[in-house]
Protein backbone atom coordinates (compact mmCIF):
# COMPACT_ATOMS: atom_id res chain seq x y z
CA MET A 1 183.72 103.86 186.97
CA LYS A 2 184.51 104.00 183.21
CA ASP A 3 187.57 105.72 181.55
CA ILE A 4 187.12 108.49 178.64
CA VAL A 5 190.05 107.83 176.02
CA ILE A 6 190.47 110.74 174.04
CA LYS A 7 192.34 110.35 170.56
CA GLY A 8 195.31 112.43 170.06
CA ASN A 9 194.08 113.43 166.01
CA ARG A 10 190.98 114.56 167.99
CA ILE A 11 192.31 116.88 170.70
CA LYS A 12 194.48 118.31 167.69
CA ALA A 13 191.48 118.90 165.43
CA GLU A 14 189.64 120.49 168.41
CA LEU A 15 192.68 122.97 169.10
CA LEU A 16 193.04 123.76 165.31
CA MET A 17 189.01 124.05 165.03
CA LEU A 18 189.55 126.73 168.23
CA LEU A 19 192.44 128.34 166.52
CA TYR A 20 190.58 129.09 163.48
CA CYS A 21 187.60 130.91 165.80
CA TYR A 22 190.19 133.04 167.60
CA ILE A 23 191.61 134.27 163.73
CA ALA A 24 187.70 134.61 162.78
CA ALA A 25 187.38 136.84 166.36
CA ASN A 26 190.35 139.19 165.24
CA LEU A 27 189.51 139.63 161.51
CA VAL A 28 185.94 140.87 162.89
CA ASN A 29 187.97 142.97 165.27
CA VAL A 30 189.81 144.64 162.24
CA TYR A 31 186.70 144.60 160.39
CA ALA A 32 185.30 146.59 163.23
CA ILE A 33 188.06 148.90 163.35
CA ILE A 34 188.31 149.47 159.60
CA LYS A 35 184.44 150.00 159.08
CA TYR A 36 184.38 152.72 162.32
CA GLU A 37 187.66 154.14 162.13
CA THR A 38 189.28 153.80 165.51
CA SER A 39 193.32 153.21 166.74
CA TRP A 40 194.78 150.37 165.37
CA ILE A 41 196.03 149.77 169.69
CA GLU A 42 192.40 147.81 169.73
CA ILE A 43 193.80 144.92 168.46
CA PHE A 44 195.82 145.18 171.61
CA THR A 45 193.72 146.25 174.11
CA TRP A 46 190.35 143.94 173.11
CA GLN A 47 192.26 140.85 173.34
CA ARG A 48 190.00 139.37 176.11
CA PHE A 49 187.04 140.77 174.28
CA ILE A 50 188.12 138.54 171.53
CA LEU A 51 189.16 135.23 173.49
CA PHE A 52 185.35 135.42 174.55
CA ILE A 53 183.92 136.06 171.22
CA ALA A 54 186.34 132.79 169.75
CA VAL A 55 184.91 130.67 172.54
CA LEU A 56 181.47 132.11 171.28
CA PHE A 57 182.09 130.96 167.77
CA TYR A 58 183.56 127.46 169.23
CA VAL A 59 180.64 126.79 170.91
CA VAL A 60 178.84 127.97 167.90
CA THR A 61 180.61 125.22 165.84
CA ILE A 62 180.29 122.57 168.21
CA VAL A 63 176.35 122.75 168.15
CA VAL A 64 176.22 123.24 164.73
CA ARG A 65 178.32 119.77 164.22
CA LEU A 66 175.89 118.33 167.01
CA ILE A 67 172.89 118.74 164.82
CA VAL A 68 174.62 117.76 162.03
CA PHE A 69 175.78 114.53 163.53
CA GLY A 70 172.42 113.96 164.94
CA PHE A 71 170.86 114.44 161.41
CA ARG A 72 173.04 112.13 159.79
CA LYS A 73 172.65 109.50 162.67
CA GLY A 74 169.01 109.89 162.41
CA MET A 75 169.09 109.66 158.14
CA ARG A 76 170.92 106.49 158.87
CA LYS A 77 168.10 104.69 160.93
CA THR A 78 165.58 105.19 158.71
């Protein structure tokens, strides 16, 4: 069986992307708190949901990056 090697730079880049997604999810939460005039304690009580949204954002970015990669790969062959 062949080993898969992931370089440290790629791991750092993916962790940074996940951090950006977490920050974006928190910003969406802050926007919702302001818009619906709810209690600011929800920043802490909704962290499980925020983590779920962050992972969802991360999955969306992966899908978009795969589409862009496939498009670029297809354009090179022609």
